[in-house]
Amino acid sequence: MPCYVRYDDGTHRAFVRMKHGEIRSFRAFGPKLKDHPTVDLPCPACSEPMAVGSVTTLIALGPGKDTEARERARENRWFNAIAIELHFACATGMEITLSDTVQAEGNRP
C-alpha cells in the first residue's frame, strides 16, 4: 500500500515498497476522493489534473536521497522508493472503469 507524505509547503511525496529485480505490476488506485492530497494536481504524463473520480497508479523511481533506502537498495533488500502518481491510462494505455476498481477490491484476500 502506498504512503503519502504532505509537507508544510503543500508538496507531497508518495512512497512504495520496492526491491530491485522484483517485477511490479500496475495497481489501480481509485476512484480518487475529493480529500486525496493529489486531487487537482497535474498528471506528469499528460498534464491533465487528477480529478475526483480519477483512477491512478504509482511508478516507483528509486530510493531518492534517503541514505538508509539507498543502502538497502544496494544490498538488494526491500526499501521505500519514491514514486510518482499518474493516470492509470497514461501508465498502461488501458482505460479503467469504476466497476473494474470495485471488482478488483472484491478480489483482495
PDB file of N, CA and C in Angstrom:
ATOM      1  N   MET A   1       0.848  -1.175   0.000  1.00  0.00           N
ATOM      2  CA  MET A   1       0.000   0.000   0.000  1.00  0.00           C
ATOM      3  C   MET A   1       0.893   1.238   0.000  1.00  0.00           C
ATOM      4  N   PRO A   2       0.555   2.223  -0.810  1.00  0.00           N
ATOM      5  CA  PRO A   2       1.394   3.422  -0.860  1.00  0.00           C
ATOM      6  C   PRO A   2       1.219   4.286   0.371  1.00  0.00           C
ATOM      7  N   CYS A   3       2.187   5.116   0.606  1.00  0.00           N
ATOM      8  CA  CYS A   3       2.151   6.062   1.703  1.00  0.00           C
ATOM      9  C   CYS A   3       2.351   7.456   1.123  1.00  0.00           C
ATOM     10  N   TYR A   4       1.523   8.391   1.507  1.00  0.00           N
ATOM     11  CA  TYR A   4       1.674   9.779   1.076  1.00  0.00           C
ATOM     12  C   TYR A   4       2.138  10.616   2.245  1.00  0.00           C
ATOM     13  N   VAL A   5       3.093  11.488   1.980  1.00  0.00           N
ATOM     14  CA  VAL A   5       3.576  12.414   2.992  1.00  0.00           C
ATOM     15  C   VAL A   5       3.373  13.810   2.445  1.00  0.00           C
ATOM     16  N   ARG A   6       2.618  14.631   3.162  1.00  0.00           N
ATOM     17  CA  ARG A   6       2.406  16.018   2.759  1.00  0.00           C
ATOM     18  C   ARG A   6       3.307  16.907   3.603  1.00  0.00           C
ATOM     19  N   TYR A   7       4.024  17.790   2.932  1.00  0.00           N
ATOM     20  CA  TYR A   7       4.953  18.693   3.600  1.00  0.00           C
ATOM     21  C   TYR A   7       4.295  20.040   3.867  1.00  0.00           C
ATOM     22  N   ASP A   8       4.882  20.829   4.754  1.00  0.00           N
ATOM     23  CA  ASP A   8       4.312  22.118   5.136  1.00  0.00           C
ATOM     24  C   ASP A   8       4.117  23.064   3.957  1.00  0.00           C
ATOM     25  N   ASP A   9       4.945  22.945   2.925  1.00  0.00           N
ATOM     26  CA  ASP A   9       4.818  23.849   1.783  1.00  0.00           C
ATOM     27  C   ASP A   9       3.737  23.402   0.804  1.00  0.00           C
ATOM     28  N   GLY A  10       2.982  22.345   1.138  1.00  0.00           N
ATOM     29  CA  GLY A  10       1.886  21.887   0.291  1.00  0.00           C
ATOM     30  C   GLY A  10       2.292  20.815  -0.705  1.00  0.00           C
ATOM     31  N   THR A  11       3.584  20.556  -0.842  1.00  0.00           N
ATOM     32  CA  THR A  11       4.012  19.485  -1.740  1.00  0.00           C
ATOM     33  C   THR A  11       3.801  18.139  -1.063  1.00  0.00           C
ATOM     34  N   HIS A  12       3.880  17.081  -1.827  1.00  0.00           N
ATOM     35  CA  HIS A  12       3.720  15.747  -1.258  1.00  0.00           C
ATOM     36  C   HIS A  12       4.661  14.790  -1.961  1.00  0.00           C
ATOM     37  N   ARG A  13       4.899  13.668  -1.349  1.00  0.00           N
ATOM     38  CA  ARG A  13       5.673  12.585  -1.935  1.00  0.00           C
ATOM     39  C   ARG A  13       4.915  11.285  -1.693  1.00  0.00           C
ATOM     40  N   ALA A  14       5.002  10.398  -2.640  1.00  0.00           N
ATOM     41  CA  ALA A  14       4.437   9.065  -2.485  1.00  0.00           C
ATOM     42  C   ALA A  14       5.586   8.083  -2.381  1.00  0.00           C
ATOM     43  N   PHE A  15       5.415   7.070  -1.550  1.00  0.00           N
ATOM     44  CA  PHE A  15       6.420   6.041  -1.369  1.00  0.00           C
ATOM     45  C   PHE A  15       5.765   4.679  -1.568  1.00  0.00           C
ATOM     46  N   VAL A  16       6.466   3.754  -2.209  1.00  0.00           N
ATOM     47  CA  VAL A  16       6.015   2.375  -2.350  1.00  0.00           C
ATOM     48  C   VAL A  16       7.178   1.460  -2.003  1.00  0.00           C
ATOM     49  N   ARG A  17       6.879   0.236  -1.610  1.00  0.00           N
ATOM     50  CA  ARG A  17       7.926  -0.748  -1.317  1.00  0.00           C
ATOM     51  C   ARG A  17       8.507  -1.227  -2.636  1.00  0.00           C
ATOM     52  N   MET A  18       9.827  -1.370  -2.684  1.00  0.00           N
ATOM     53  CA  MET A  18      10.499  -1.772  -3.910  1.00  0.00           C
ATOM     54  C   MET A  18      11.706  -2.629  -3.576  1.00  0.00           C
ATOM     55  N   LYS A  19      12.010  -3.561  -4.473  1.00  0.00           N
ATOM     56  CA  LYS A  19      13.236  -4.355  -4.385  1.00  0.00           C
ATOM     57  C   LYS A  19      13.720  -4.549  -5.813  1.00  0.00           C
ATOM     58  N   HIS A  20      14.967  -4.194  -6.075  1.00  0.00           N
ATOM     59  CA  HIS A  20      15.497  -4.341  -7.424  1.00  0.00           C
ATOM     60  C   HIS A  20      15.378  -5.791  -7.878  1.00  0.00           C
ATOM     61  N   GLY A  21      14.952  -5.975  -9.109  1.00  0.00           N
ATOM     62  CA  GLY A  21      14.793  -7.314  -9.661  1.00  0.00           C
ATOM     63  C   GLY A  21      13.402  -7.888  -9.482  1.00  0.00           C
ATOM     64  N   GLU A  22      12.597  -7.298  -8.608  1.00  0.00           N
ATOM     65  CA  GLU A  22      11.225  -7.768  -8.408  1.00  0.00           C
ATOM     66  C   GLU A  22      10.325  -7.115  -9.455  1.00  0.00           C
ATOM     67  N   ILE A  23       9.454  -7.880 -10.049  1.00  0.00           N
ATOM     68  CA  ILE A  23       8.528  -7.352 -11.053  1.00  0.00           C
ATOM     69  C   ILE A  23       7.342  -6.736 -10.337  1.00  0.00           C
ATOM     70  N   ARG A  24       7.057  -5.493 -10.706  1.00  0.00           N
ATOM     71  CA  ARG A  24       5.901  -4.793 -10.148  1.00  0.00           C
ATOM     72  C   ARG A  24       4.839  -4.668 -11.219  1.00  0.00           C
ATOM     73  N   SER A  25       3.625  -5.052 -10.890  1.00  0.00           N
ATOM     74  CA  SER A  25       2.526  -4.845 -11.826  1.00  0.00           C
ATOM     75  C   SER A  25       1.874  -3.511 -11.499  1.00  0.00           C
ATOM     76  N   PHE A  26       1.187  -2.959 -12.472  1.00  0.00           N
ATOM     77  CA  PHE A  26       0.491  -1.696 -12.245  1.00  0.00           C
ATOM     78  C   PHE A  26      -0.759  -1.969 -11.427  1.00  0.00           C
ATOM     79  N   ARG A  27      -0.894  -1.284 -10.326  1.00  0.00           N
ATOM     80  CA  ARG A  27      -2.071  -1.421  -9.471  1.00  0.00           C
ATOM     81  C   ARG A  27      -2.904  -0.158  -9.617  1.00  0.00           C
ATOM     82  N   ALA A  28      -4.186  -0.338  -9.835  1.00  0.00           N
ATOM     83  CA  ALA A  28      -5.090   0.805  -9.992  1.00  0.00           C
ATOM     84  C   ALA A  28      -5.552   1.281  -8.624  1.00  0.00           C
ATOM     85  N   PHE A  29      -5.479   2.585  -8.406  1.00  0.00           N
ATOM     86  CA  PHE A  29      -5.976   3.216  -7.180  1.00  0.00           C
ATOM     87  C   PHE A  29      -7.104   4.151  -7.561  1.00  0.00           C
ATOM     88  N   GLY A  30      -8.206   4.041  -6.883  1.00  0.00           N
ATOM     89  CA  GLY A  30      -9.307   4.946  -7.184  1.00  0.00           C
ATOM     90  C   GLY A  30     -10.630   4.242  -7.048  1.00  0.00           C
ATOM     91  N   PRO A  31     -11.673   4.959  -7.368  1.00  0.00           N
ATOM     92  CA  PRO A  31     -11.655   6.341  -7.843  1.00  0.00           C
ATOM     93  C   PRO A  31     -11.203   7.307  -6.751  1.00  0.00           C
ATOM     94  N   LYS A  32     -10.520   8.338  -7.170  1.00  0.00           N
ATOM     95  CA  LYS A  32      -9.941   9.326  -6.253  1.00  0.00           C
ATOM     96  C   LYS A  32     -11.055  10.124  -5.565  1.00  0.00           C
ATOM     97  N   LEU A  33     -10.927  10.267  -4.246  1.00  0.00           N
ATOM     98  CA  LEU A  33     -11.900  11.023  -3.460  1.00  0.00           C
ATOM     99  C   LEU A  33     -11.469  12.486  -3.349  1.00  0.00           C
ATOM    100  N   LYS A  34     -12.414  13.355  -3.003  1.00  0.00           N
ATOM    101  CA  LYS A  34     -12.128  14.800  -3.005  1.00  0.00           C
ATOM    102  C   LYS A  34     -11.091  15.233  -1.972  1.00  0.00           C
ATOM    103  N   ASP A  35     -10.871  14.440  -0.928  1.00  0.00           N
ATOM    104  CA  ASP A  35      -9.900  14.838   0.091  1.00  0.00           C
ATOM    105  C   ASP A  35      -8.508  14.242  -0.141  1.00  0.00           C
ATOM    106  N   HIS A  36      -8.302  13.578  -1.269  1.00  0.00           N
ATOM    107  CA  HIS A  36      -6.979  12.991  -1.558  1.00  0.00           C
ATOM    108  C   HIS A  36      -5.971  14.110  -1.836  1.00  0.00           C
ATOM    109  N   PRO A  37      -4.720  13.973  -1.339  1.00  0.00           N
ATOM    110  CA  PRO A  37      -3.747  15.061  -1.484  1.00  0.00           C
ATOM    111  C   PRO A  37      -3.352  15.396  -2.917  1.00  0.00           C
ATOM    112  N   THR A  38      -3.604  14.502  -3.883  1.00  0.00           N
ATOM    113  CA  THR A  38      -3.199  14.804  -5.258  1.00  0.00           C
ATOM    114  C   THR A  38      -4.336  15.272  -6.156  1.00  0.00           C
ATOM    115  N   VAL A  39      -5.543  15.407  -5.613  1.00  0.00           N
ATOM    116  CA  VAL A  39      -6.654  15.923  -6.426  1.00  0.00           C
ATOM    117  C   VAL A  39      -6.282  17.307  -6.943  1.00  0.00           C
ATOM    118  N   ASP A  40      -6.514  17.513  -8.208  1.00  0.00           N
ATOM    119  CA  ASP A  40      -6.254  18.762  -8.932  1.00  0.00           C
ATOM    120  C   ASP A  40      -4.794  18.980  -9.298  1.00  0.00           C
ATOM    121  N   LEU A  41      -3.886  18.101  -8.876  1.00  0.00           N
ATOM    122  CA  LEU A  41      -2.500  18.213  -9.331  1.00  0.00           C
ATOM    123  C   LEU A  41      -2.391  17.642 -10.746  1.00  0.00           C
ATOM    124  N   PRO A  42      -1.491  18.169 -11.562  1.00  0.00           N
ATOM    125  CA  PRO A  42      -1.382  17.663 -12.935  1.00  0.00           C
ATOM    126  C   PRO A  42      -0.701  16.291 -12.996  1.00  0.00           C
ATOM    127  N   CYS A  43      -1.175  15.470 -13.894  1.00  0.00           N
ATOM    128  CA  CYS A  43      -0.541  14.186 -14.172  1.00  0.00           C
ATOM    129  C   CYS A  43       0.788  14.472 -14.870  1.00  0.00           C
ATOM    130  N   PRO A  44       1.888  13.864 -14.423  1.00  0.00           N
ATOM    131  CA  PRO A  44       3.185  14.121 -15.059  1.00  0.00           C
ATOM    132  C   PRO A  44       3.253  13.677 -16.519  1.00  0.00           C
ATOM    133  N   ALA A  45       2.366  12.777 -16.929  1.00  0.00           N
ATOM    134  CA  ALA A  45       2.414  12.260 -18.296  1.00  0.00           C
ATOM    135  C   ALA A  45       1.588  13.083 -19.281  1.00  0.00           C
ATOM    136  N   CYS A  46       0.417  13.568 -18.850  1.00  0.00           N
ATOM    137  CA  CYS A  46      -0.481  14.256 -19.796  1.00  0.00           C
ATOM    138  C   CYS A  46      -0.799  15.689 -19.399  1.00  0.00           C
ATOM    139  N   SER A  47      -0.413  16.095 -18.219  1.00  0.00           N
ATOM    140  CA  SER A  47      -0.648  17.439 -17.668  1.00  0.00           C
ATOM    141  C   SER A  47      -2.105  17.731 -17.335  1.00  0.00           C
ATOM    142  N   GLU A  48      -2.992  16.782 -17.538  1.00  0.00           N
ATOM    143  CA  GLU A  48      -4.387  16.955 -17.132  1.00  0.00           C
ATOM    144  C   GLU A  48      -4.475  16.725 -15.624  1.00  0.00           C
ATOM    145  N   PRO A  49      -5.408  17.412 -14.952  1.00  0.00           N
ATOM    146  CA  PRO A  49      -5.499  17.228 -13.497  1.00  0.00           C
ATOM    147  C   PRO A  49      -5.981  15.834 -13.113  1.00  0.00           C
ATOM    148  N   MET A  50      -5.519  15.385 -11.962  1.00  0.00           N
ATOM    149  CA  MET A  50      -6.026  14.147 -11.387  1.00  0.00           C
ATOM    150  C   MET A  50      -7.272  14.537 -10.596  1.00  0.00           C
ATOM    151  N   ALA A  51      -8.391  14.395 -11.230  1.00  0.00           N
ATOM    152  CA  ALA A  51      -9.658  14.888 -10.700  1.00  0.00           C
ATOM    153  C   ALA A  51     -10.318  13.871  -9.781  1.00  0.00           C
ATOM    154  N   VAL A  52     -11.310  14.350  -9.034  1.00  0.00           N
ATOM    155  CA  VAL A  52     -12.134  13.447  -8.234  1.00  0.00           C
ATOM    156  C   VAL A  52     -12.707  12.403  -9.186  1.00  0.00           C
ATOM    157  N   GLY A  53     -12.603  11.148  -8.826  1.00  0.00           N
ATOM    158  CA  GLY A  53     -13.089  10.059  -9.660  1.00  0.00           C
ATOM    159  C   GLY A  53     -12.019   9.449 -10.551  1.00  0.00           C
ATOM    160  N   SER A  54     -10.851  10.083 -10.646  1.00  0.00           N
ATOM    161  CA  SER A  54      -9.769   9.541 -11.473  1.00  0.00           C
ATOM    162  C   SER A  54      -9.245   8.237 -10.888  1.00  0.00           C
ATOM    163  N   VAL A  55      -8.794   7.367 -11.767  1.00  0.00           N
ATOM    164  CA  VAL A  55      -8.112   6.143 -11.363  1.00  0.00           C
ATOM    165  C   VAL A  55      -6.646   6.340 -11.718  1.00  0.00           C
ATOM    166  N   THR A  56      -5.760   6.103 -10.754  1.00  0.00           N
ATOM    167  CA  THR A  56      -4.338   6.375 -10.937  1.00  0.00           C
ATOM    168  C   THR A  56      -3.504   5.154 -10.583  1.00  0.00           C
ATOM    169  N   THR A  57      -2.209   5.261 -10.810  1.00  0.00           N
ATOM    170  CA  THR A  57      -1.256   4.231 -10.400  1.00  0.00           C
ATOM    171  C   THR A  57       0.018   4.922  -9.958  1.00  0.00           C
ATOM    172  N   LEU A  58       0.909   4.167  -9.356  1.00  0.00           N
ATOM    173  CA  LEU A  58       2.188   4.705  -8.898  1.00  0.00           C
ATOM    174  C   LEU A  58       3.328   4.025  -9.635  1.00  0.00           C
ATOM    175  N   ILE A  59       4.302   4.814 -10.056  1.00  0.00           N
ATOM    176  CA  ILE A  59       5.510   4.312 -10.697  1.00  0.00           C
ATOM    177  C   ILE A  59       6.669   4.555  -9.735  1.00  0.00           C
ATOM    178  N   ALA A  60       7.321   3.482  -9.306  1.00  0.00           N
ATOM    179  CA  ALA A  60       8.458   3.597  -8.386  1.00  0.00           C
ATOM    180  C   ALA A  60       9.669   4.134  -9.142  1.00  0.00           C
ATOM    181  N   LEU A  61      10.348   5.113  -8.546  1.00  0.00           N
ATOM    182  CA  LEU A  61      11.528   5.703  -9.156  1.00  0.00           C
ATOM    183  C   LEU A  61      12.824   5.170  -8.547  1.00  0.00           C
ATOM    184  N   GLY A  62      12.892   5.089  -7.255  1.00  0.00           N
ATOM    185  CA  GLY A  62      14.107   4.643  -6.583  1.00  0.00           C
ATOM    186  C   GLY A  62      14.184   5.211  -5.190  1.00  0.00           C
ATOM    187  N   PRO A  63      15.321   5.058  -4.523  1.00  0.00           N
ATOM    188  CA  PRO A  63      15.433   5.448  -3.119  1.00  0.00           C
ATOM    189  C   PRO A  63      15.529   6.948  -2.868  1.00  0.00           C
ATOM    190  N   GLY A  64      15.770   7.739  -3.898  1.00  0.00           N
ATOM    191  CA  GLY A  64      15.922   9.174  -3.675  1.00  0.00           C
ATOM    192  C   GLY A  64      17.161   9.453  -2.843  1.00  0.00           C
ATOM    193  N   LYS A  65      17.107  10.494  -2.007  1.00  0.00           N
ATOM    194  CA  LYS A  65      18.296  10.855  -1.230  1.00  0.00           C
ATOM    195  C   LYS A  65      18.339  10.237   0.162  1.00  0.00           C
ATOM    196  N   ASP A  66      17.369   9.393   0.484  1.00  0.00           N
ATOM    197  CA  ASP A  66      17.337   8.711   1.779  1.00  0.00           C
ATOM    198  C   ASP A  66      18.508   7.729   1.860  1.00  0.00           C
ATOM    199  N   THR A  67      19.445   7.973   2.769  1.00  0.00           N
ATOM    200  CA  THR A  67      20.656   7.148   2.844  1.00  0.00           C
ATOM    201  C   THR A  67      20.359   5.700   3.241  1.00  0.00           C
ATOM    202  N   GLU A  68      19.412   5.497   4.140  1.00  0.00           N
ATOM    203  CA  GLU A  68      19.063   4.128   4.527  1.00  0.00           C
ATOM    204  C   GLU A  68      18.438   3.385   3.350  1.00  0.00           C
ATOM    205  N   ALA A  69      17.543   4.047   2.620  1.00  0.00           N
ATOM    206  CA  ALA A  69      16.910   3.410   1.456  1.00  0.00           C
ATOM    207  C   ALA A  69      17.954   3.101   0.384  1.00  0.00           C
ATOM    208  N   ARG A  70      18.919   3.994   0.190  1.00  0.00           N
ATOM    209  CA  ARG A  70      19.983   3.739  -0.786  1.00  0.00           C
ATOM    210  C   ARG A  70      20.810   2.517  -0.392  1.00  0.00           C
ATOM    211  N   GLU A  71      21.137   2.413   0.888  1.00  0.00           N
ATOM    212  CA  GLU A  71      21.914   1.273   1.363  1.00  0.00           C
ATOM    213  C   GLU A  71      21.140  -0.021   1.148  1.00  0.00           C
ATOM    214  N   ARG A  72      19.857  -0.027   1.504  1.00  0.00           N
ATOM    215  CA  ARG A  72      19.026  -1.219   1.332  1.00  0.00           C
ATOM    216  C   ARG A  72      18.922  -1.592  -0.146  1.00  0.00           C
ATOM    217  N   ALA A  73      18.813  -0.589  -1.031  1.00  0.00           N
ATOM    218  CA  ALA A  73      18.740  -0.857  -2.472  1.00  0.00           C
ATOM    219  C   ALA A  73      20.039  -1.502  -2.962  1.00  0.00           C
ATOM    220  N   ARG A  74      21.175  -0.960  -2.529  1.00  0.00           N
ATOM    221  CA  ARG A  74      22.475  -1.518  -2.925  1.00  0.00           C
ATOM    222  C   ARG A  74      22.636  -2.963  -2.461  1.00  0.00           C
ATOM    223  N   GLU A  75      22.036  -3.279  -1.316  1.00  0.00           N
ATOM    224  CA  GLU A  75      22.117  -4.633  -0.758  1.00  0.00           C
ATOM    225  C   GLU A  75      21.029  -5.557  -1.314  1.00  0.00           C
ATOM    226  N   ASN A  76      20.273  -5.059  -2.291  1.00  0.00           N
ATOM    227  CA  ASN A  76      19.165  -5.797  -2.909  1.00  0.00           C
ATOM    228  C   ASN A  76      18.128  -6.230  -1.877  1.00  0.00           C
ATOM    229  N   ARG A  77      17.831  -5.316  -0.940  1.00  0.00           N
ATOM    230  CA  ARG A  77      16.797  -5.535   0.073  1.00  0.00           C
ATOM    231  C   ARG A  77      15.615  -4.624  -0.238  1.00  0.00           C
ATOM    232  N   TRP A  78      14.464  -4.926   0.358  1.00  0.00           N
ATOM    233  CA  TRP A  78      13.282  -4.086   0.187  1.00  0.00           C
ATOM    234  C   TRP A  78      13.544  -2.710   0.794  1.00  0.00           C
ATOM    235  N   PHE A  79      13.055  -1.671   0.118  1.00  0.00           N
ATOM    236  CA  PHE A  79      13.210  -0.306   0.619  1.00  0.00           C
ATOM    237  C   PHE A  79      12.001   0.514   0.193  1.00  0.00           C
ATOM    238  N   ASN A  80      11.841   1.661   0.818  1.00  0.00           N
ATOM    239  CA  ASN A  80      10.767   2.579   0.440  1.00  0.00           C
ATOM    240  C   ASN A  80      11.259   3.453  -0.700  1.00  0.00           C
ATOM    241  N   ALA A  81      10.645   3.287  -1.861  1.00  0.00           N
ATOM    242  CA  ALA A  81      11.031   4.036  -3.052  1.00  0.00           C
ATOM    243  C   ALA A  81      10.117   5.237  -3.240  1.00  0.00           C
ATOM    244  N   ILE A  82      10.695   6.330  -3.674  1.00  0.00           N
ATOM    245  CA  ILE A  82       9.892   7.479  -4.072  1.00  0.00           C
ATOM    246  C   ILE A  82       9.133   7.078  -5.333  1.00  0.00           C
ATOM    247  N   ALA A  83       7.889   7.486  -5.417  1.00  0.00           N
ATOM    248  CA  ALA A  83       7.051   7.124  -6.561  1.00  0.00           C
ATOM    249  C   ALA A  83       6.342   8.356  -7.094  1.00  0.00           C
ATOM    250  N   ILE A  84       5.986   8.301  -8.360  1.00  0.00           N
ATOM    251  CA  ILE A  84       5.159   9.351  -8.935  1.00  0.00           C
ATOM    252  C   ILE A  84       3.797   8.758  -9.257  1.00  0.00           C
ATOM    253  N   GLU A  85       2.793   9.581  -9.105  1.00  0.00           N
ATOM    254  CA  GLU A  85       1.426   9.156  -9.388  1.00  0.00           C
ATOM    255  C   GLU A  85       1.009   9.726 -10.739  1.00  0.00           C
ATOM    256  N   LEU A  86       0.362   8.901 -11.539  1.00  0.00           N
ATOM    257  CA  LEU A  86      -0.186   9.362 -12.806  1.00  0.00           C
ATOM    258  C   LEU A  86      -1.446   8.591 -13.119  1.00  0.00           C
ATOM    259  N   HIS A  87      -2.189   9.081 -14.103  1.00  0.00           N
ATOM    260  CA  HIS A  87      -3.408   8.388 -14.501  1.00  0.00           C
ATOM    261  C   HIS A  87      -3.068   6.956 -14.909  1.00  0.00           C
ATOM    262  N   PHE A  88      -3.922   6.019 -14.546  1.00  0.00           N
ATOM    263  CA  PHE A  88      -3.719   4.620 -14.898  1.00  0.00           C
ATOM    264  C   PHE A  88      -3.604   4.467 -16.411  1.00  0.00           C
ATOM    265  N   ALA A  89      -4.452   5.167 -17.155  1.00  0.00           N
ATOM    266  CA  ALA A  89      -4.422   5.085 -18.621  1.00  0.00           C
ATOM    267  C   ALA A  89      -3.118   5.648 -19.187  1.00  0.00           C
ATOM    268  N   CYS A  90      -2.556   6.665 -18.564  1.00  0.00           N
ATOM    269  CA  CYS A  90      -1.286   7.231 -19.032  1.00  0.00           C
ATOM    270  C   CYS A  90      -0.135   6.260 -18.829  1.00  0.00           C
ATOM    271  N   ALA A  91      -0.210   5.430 -17.792  1.00  0.00           N
ATOM    272  CA  ALA A  91       0.855   4.471 -17.495  1.00  0.00           C
ATOM    273  C   ALA A  91       0.717   3.182 -18.288  1.00  0.00           C
ATOM    274  N   THR A  92      -0.514   2.785 -18.586  1.00  0.00           N
ATOM    275  CA  THR A  92      -0.739   1.458 -19.162  1.00  0.00           C
ATOM    276  C   THR A  92      -1.368   1.477 -20.546  1.00  0.00           C
ATOM    277  N   GLY A  93      -2.009   2.587 -20.917  1.00  0.00           N
ATOM    278  CA  GLY A  93      -2.763   2.634 -22.167  1.00  0.00           C
ATOM    279  C   GLY A  93      -4.161   2.064 -22.024  1.00  0.00           C
ATOM    280  N   MET A  94      -4.479   1.534 -20.849  1.00  0.00           N
ATOM    281  CA  MET A  94      -5.785   0.902 -20.626  1.00  0.00           C
ATOM    282  C   MET A  94      -6.691   1.828 -19.819  1.00  0.00           C
ATOM    283  N   GLU A  95      -7.871   2.065 -20.346  1.00  0.00           N
ATOM    284  CA  GLU A  95      -8.879   2.800 -19.578  1.00  0.00           C
ATOM    285  C   GLU A  95      -9.438   1.847 -18.534  1.00  0.00           C
ATOM    286  N   ILE A  96      -9.784   2.380 -17.388  1.00  0.00           N
ATOM    287  CA  ILE A  96     -10.334   1.545 -16.318  1.00  0.00           C
ATOM    288  C   ILE A  96     -11.601   2.217 -15.811  1.00  0.00           C
ATOM    289  N   THR A  97     -12.590   1.418 -15.476  1.00  0.00           N
ATOM    290  CA  THR A  97     -13.880   1.943 -15.057  1.00  0.00           C
ATOM    291  C   THR A  97     -14.083   1.736 -13.562  1.00  0.00           C
ATOM    292  N   LEU A  98     -15.108   2.381 -13.041  1.00  0.00           N
ATOM    293  CA  LEU A  98     -15.457   2.209 -11.640  1.00  0.00           C
ATOM    294  C   LEU A  98     -15.755   0.753 -11.336  1.00  0.00           C
ATOM    295  N   SER A  99     -16.461   0.063 -12.230  1.00  0.00           N
ATOM    296  CA  SER A  99     -16.779  -1.347 -11.980  1.00  0.00           C
ATOM    297  C   SER A  99     -15.507  -2.198 -11.945  1.00  0.00           C
ATOM    298  N   ASP A 100     -14.488  -1.833 -12.737  1.00  0.00           N
ATOM    299  CA  ASP A 100     -13.212  -2.558 -12.681  1.00  0.00           C
ATOM    300  C   ASP A 100     -12.580  -2.412 -11.305  1.00  0.00           C
ATOM    301  N   THR A 101     -12.603  -1.206 -10.736  1.00  0.00           N
ATOM    302  CA  THR A 101     -11.971  -0.992  -9.431  1.00  0.00           C
ATOM    303  C   THR A 101     -12.763  -1.677  -8.326  1.00  0.00           C
ATOM    304  N   VAL A 102     -14.086  -1.684  -8.421  1.00  0.00           N
ATOM    305  CA  VAL A 102     -14.909  -2.367  -7.418  1.00  0.00           C
ATOM    306  C   VAL A 102     -14.639  -3.861  -7.468  1.00  0.00           C
ATOM    307  N   GLN A 103     -14.546  -4.415  -8.669  1.00  0.00           N
ATOM    308  CA  GLN A 103     -14.267  -5.832  -8.822  1.00  0.00           C
ATOM    309  C   GLN A 103     -12.888  -6.158  -8.249  1.00  0.00           C
ATOM    310  N   ALA A 104     -11.895  -5.323  -8.516  1.00  0.00           N
ATOM    311  CA  ALA A 104     -10.546  -5.568  -8.006  1.00  0.00           C
ATOM    312  C   ALA A 104     -10.527  -5.536  -6.479  1.00  0.00           C
ATOM    313  N   GLU A 105     -11.252  -4.585  -5.874  1.00  0.00           N
ATOM    314  CA  GLU A 105     -11.324  -4.518  -4.415  1.00  0.00           C
ATOM    315  C   GLU A 105     -11.948  -5.780  -3.846  1.00  0.00           C
ATOM    316  N   GLY A 106     -12.956  -6.327  -4.530  1.00  0.00           N
ATOM    317  CA  GLY A 106     -13.643  -7.525  -4.072  1.00  0.00           C
ATOM    318  C   GLY A 106     -12.778  -8.768  -4.179  1.00  0.00           C
ATOM    319  N   ASN A 107     -11.757  -8.739  -5.028  1.00  0.00           N
ATOM    320  CA  ASN A 107     -10.899  -9.900  -5.218  1.00  0.00           C
ATOM    321  C   ASN A 107      -9.745  -9.957  -4.242  1.00  0.00           C
ATOM    322  N   ARG A 108      -9.592  -8.955  -3.428  1.00  0.00           N
ATOM    323  CA  ARG A 108      -8.485  -8.952  -2.479  1.00  0.00           C
ATOM    324  C   ARG A 108      -8.759  -9.908  -1.341  1.00  0.00           C
ATOM    325  N   PRO A 109      -7.699 -10.586  -0.855  1.00  0.00           N
ATOM    326  CA  PRO A 109      -7.895 -11.523   0.277  1.00  0.00           C
ATOM    327  C   PRO A 109      -8.191 -10.775   1.564  1.00  0.00           C
TER     328      PRO A 109
END
